[in-house]
Amino acid sequence: MSQDLEKIFQALGNDIRLSVVKLLLKKTKLSCQDIQKHFNLSQPTMSHHFSQLIDTNIINVEKAGASHFYSLNRQLLERNGIYLKRGDKK
């Protein structure tokens, strides 16, 4: 197993991070605040989860002023044989 793939699965093995990915499957891009509304977690805790997803390149971050917008890096996932599709389930 490649190191990238191992890191991806480790990151996605966490329920919070997997839920963030599921949210990003439904929308092309979401702000940090929009994502945080779905979780009852502190800002530092959410920052930790965002960092894990960014460090493994699972999500992309775009900064616009003081706001951060996140999108799913589908190319990385698909390059590693991970194909995700949108679902209506939470």
Protein backbone atom coordinates (compact mmCIF):
# COMPACT_ATOMS: atom_id res chain seq x y z
CA MET A 1 0.00 0.00 0.00
CA SER A 2 1.39 3.41 -0.89
CA GLN A 3 2.14 5.89 1.88
CA ASP A 4 -0.35 8.35 0.38
CA LEU A 5 -3.12 5.78 0.42
CA GLU A 6 -2.32 4.77 3.99
CA LYS A 7 -2.46 8.42 5.12
CA ILE A 8 -5.74 8.95 3.27
CA PHE A 9 -7.37 5.98 4.98
CA GLN A 10 -6.03 7.08 8.37
CA ALA A 11 -7.53 10.53 7.87
CA LEU A 12 -10.86 9.16 6.64
CA GLY A 13 -10.96 6.67 9.52
CA ASN A 14 -12.10 9.47 11.82
CA ASP A 15 -15.88 10.04 11.95
CA ILE A 16 -15.60 13.85 12.02
CA ARG A 17 -13.24 14.02 9.04
CA LEU A 18 -15.34 11.52 7.10
CA SER A 19 -18.41 13.66 7.81
CA VAL A 20 -16.60 16.74 6.48
CA VAL A 21 -15.82 14.84 3.28
CA LYS A 22 -19.47 13.79 2.99
CA LEU A 23 -20.54 17.43 3.31
CA LEU A 24 -18.11 18.41 0.57
CA LEU A 25 -19.55 15.71 -1.67
CA LYS A 26 -22.87 17.56 -1.60
CA LYS A 27 -21.42 21.01 -2.39
CA THR A 28 -18.56 22.04 -4.63
CA LYS A 29 -17.12 24.41 -2.05
CA LEU A 30 -18.02 25.27 1.55
CA SER A 31 -16.73 27.89 3.95
CA CYS A 32 -15.19 26.93 7.24
CA GLN A 33 -18.18 28.45 9.05
CA ASP A 34 -20.67 26.49 6.93
CA ILE A 35 -18.92 23.23 7.77
CA GLN A 36 -18.57 24.05 11.48
CA LYS A 37 -22.34 24.61 11.78
CA HIS A 38 -22.80 20.85 11.38
CA PHE A 39 -20.64 19.96 14.37
CA ASN A 40 -20.85 20.67 18.07
CA LEU A 41 -17.08 21.04 18.40
CA SER A 42 -14.76 23.87 19.39
CA GLN A 43 -12.95 25.89 16.74
CA PRO A 44 -9.51 24.45 17.73
CA THR A 45 -10.87 20.90 17.41
CA MET A 46 -12.32 21.63 13.98
CA SER A 47 -9.04 23.29 12.95
CA HIS A 48 -7.23 20.08 13.88
CA HIS A 49 -9.55 18.03 11.67
CA PHE A 50 -9.24 20.51 8.79
CA SER A 51 -5.45 20.37 9.13
CA GLN A 52 -5.46 16.58 8.92
CA LEU A 53 -7.53 16.68 5.74
CA ILE A 54 -5.39 19.45 4.23
CA ASP A 55 -2.10 17.74 5.15
CA THR A 56 -3.19 14.58 3.35
CA ASN A 57 -4.45 16.68 0.40
CA ILE A 58 -7.96 15.24 0.72
CA ILE A 59 -9.35 18.76 0.74
CA ASN A 60 -8.17 21.95 -0.88
CA VAL A 61 -8.30 25.29 0.89
CA GLU A 62 -8.90 28.62 -0.79
CA LYS A 63 -8.41 31.79 1.24
CA ALA A 64 -10.53 34.82 0.48
CA GLY A 65 -9.77 37.59 2.92
CA ALA A 66 -10.42 36.25 6.39
CA SER A 67 -12.54 33.37 5.09
CA HIS A 68 -11.43 29.87 4.19
CA PHE A 69 -13.28 27.78 1.63
CA TYR A 70 -12.80 24.04 1.32
CA SER A 71 -13.32 21.70 -1.60
CA LEU A 72 -12.76 18.00 -2.10
CA ASN A 73 -9.61 16.94 -3.98
CA ARG A 74 -11.34 14.31 -6.10
CA GLN A 75 -8.29 13.92 -8.37
CA LEU A 76 -6.12 12.71 -5.48
CA LEU A 77 -8.77 10.29 -4.28
CA GLU A 78 -9.46 8.91 -7.75
CA ARG A 79 -5.75 8.60 -8.49
CA ASN A 80 -5.62 6.31 -5.45
CA GLY A 81 -8.64 4.28 -6.55
CA ILE A 82 -11.15 5.99 -4.25
CA TYR A 83 -14.32 6.98 -6.08
CA LEU A 84 -16.89 8.83 -4.03
CA LYS A 85 -20.34 9.74 -5.21
CA ARG A 86 -22.98 11.99 -3.80
CA GLY A 87 -25.62 10.44 -1.65
CA ASP A 88 -28.68 11.75 0.09
CA LYS A 89 -27.81 10.00 3.33
CA LYS A 90 -26.03 11.87 6.08
